[in-house]
Amino acid sequence: MNWSVGAPRLSAVWLDTPPPGSLACRAFQVEEIMAVPKRRHSNSRTGRRRSHDALTPKQLQSCPRCSTAKPSHVVCPNCGYYMGRVIVETEAKTS
């Protein structure tokens, strides 16, 4: 059996004698051992792995009706328009 691919590593732990009347009939309990790296990754290898983890800023477009910055393919939070139609009714601002 190839332990390096897929199969969890198992260890046997001796159990105390089971209490009388219990249905425990096994003498070994199976436990999984966590994987531990054999060697430390270098800083360059860690940096190469993390090179694609950078966050990109949200792409904003101006609303064609009120010129407010909004995400693309989203109803304008200021005027409630999307693709030339009123989708969300907004209250008139009293200023």
Protein backbone atom coordinates (compact mmCIF):
# COMPACT_ATOMS: atom_id res chain seq x y z
CA MET A 1 0.00 0.00 0.00
CA ASN A 2 1.33 3.41 -0.96
CA TRP A 3 0.98 5.64 2.12
CA SER A 4 2.15 8.79 0.36
CA VAL A 5 -0.98 9.12 -1.79
CA GLY A 6 -4.49 9.55 -0.46
CA ALA A 7 -4.72 7.08 2.42
CA PRO A 8 -4.70 8.50 5.97
CA ARG A 9 -1.89 7.39 8.22
CA LEU A 10 -3.14 5.32 11.13
CA SER A 11 -1.70 4.47 14.50
CA ALA A 12 -2.83 1.90 17.02
CA VAL A 13 -3.37 2.96 20.63
CA TRP A 14 -3.75 0.27 23.29
CA LEU A 15 -7.01 0.53 25.21
CA ASP A 16 -7.50 -0.40 28.84
CA THR A 17 -9.58 -3.44 29.49
CA PRO A 18 -13.20 -2.69 28.65
CA PRO A 19 -15.69 -2.54 31.52
CA PRO A 20 -17.72 -5.70 32.10
CA GLY A 21 -20.89 -5.90 30.03
CA SER A 22 -19.67 -3.50 27.30
CA LEU A 23 -19.71 -4.39 23.65
CA ALA A 24 -16.12 -3.21 23.10
CA CYS A 25 -14.36 -6.16 21.54
CA ARG A 26 -11.42 -4.49 19.83
CA ALA A 27 -8.05 -4.25 21.51
CA PHE A 28 -6.82 -1.41 19.26
CA GLN A 29 -8.38 1.94 18.58
CA VAL A 30 -7.67 3.55 15.19
CA GLU A 31 -6.61 7.24 15.19
CA GLU A 32 -5.56 9.49 12.33
CA ILE A 33 -2.18 11.21 12.52
CA MET A 34 -1.92 14.71 11.05
CA ALA A 35 0.47 15.33 8.17
CA VAL A 36 3.64 17.14 9.20
CA PRO A 37 6.04 18.65 6.64
CA LYS A 38 9.44 17.00 6.47
CA ARG A 39 11.34 20.18 5.66
CA ARG A 40 10.77 23.91 5.96
CA HIS A 41 9.67 25.82 2.86
CA SER A 42 12.07 28.57 1.83
CA ASN A 43 10.98 32.21 1.74
CA SER A 44 11.08 32.27 -2.07
CA ARG A 45 8.88 29.18 -2.34
CA THR A 46 6.40 30.68 0.12
CA GLY A 47 6.40 33.94 -1.84
CA ARG A 48 5.85 32.14 -5.14
CA ARG A 49 2.88 30.29 -3.68
CA ARG A 50 1.39 33.54 -2.33
CA SER A 51 1.97 35.52 -5.53
CA HIS A 52 -1.66 34.98 -6.63
CA ASP A 53 -3.24 35.77 -3.25
CA ALA A 54 -3.25 39.58 -3.67
CA LEU A 55 -6.61 41.32 -3.43
CA THR A 56 -7.73 43.47 -6.34
CA PRO A 57 -9.78 46.64 -5.82
CA LYS A 58 -13.47 46.57 -6.71
CA GLN A 59 -14.15 47.72 -10.28
CA LEU A 60 -16.49 50.70 -10.24
CA GLN A 61 -18.31 52.36 -13.14
CA SER A 62 -20.21 55.62 -13.21
CA CYS A 63 -23.98 55.47 -13.41
CA PRO A 64 -25.11 56.90 -16.79
CA ARG A 65 -28.06 58.67 -15.14
CA CYS A 66 -26.60 60.27 -11.96
CA SER A 67 -22.82 59.71 -12.44
CA THR A 68 -22.42 57.98 -9.06
CA ALA A 69 -19.70 55.34 -8.82
CA LYS A 70 -21.28 51.87 -8.60
CA PRO A 71 -20.18 48.26 -9.23
CA SER A 72 -20.92 46.96 -12.72
CA HIS A 73 -24.11 44.90 -13.26
CA VAL A 74 -25.65 46.30 -10.06
CA VAL A 75 -28.61 48.61 -9.47
CA CYS A 76 -27.42 52.17 -8.75
CA PRO A 77 -27.73 52.79 -4.99
CA ASN A 78 -28.32 56.52 -5.56
CA CYS A 79 -31.06 56.63 -8.21
CA GLY A 80 -32.26 52.98 -8.39
CA TYR A 81 -31.79 52.61 -12.15
CA TYR A 82 -30.35 49.59 -13.96
CA MET A 83 -30.06 49.31 -17.76
CA GLY A 84 -32.27 52.35 -18.32
CA ARG A 85 -35.17 51.19 -16.13
CA VAL A 86 -36.26 52.01 -12.57
CA ILE A 87 -35.66 48.86 -10.53
CA VAL A 88 -35.74 50.26 -6.99
CA GLU A 89 -37.92 53.20 -6.02
CA THR A 90 -35.87 55.75 -4.06
CA GLU A 91 -37.25 58.48 -1.84
CA ALA A 92 -36.79 62.06 -3.03
CA LYS A 93 -34.07 63.83 -1.09
CA THR A 94 -35.26 66.92 0.77
CA SER A 95 -32.31 69.30 0.99
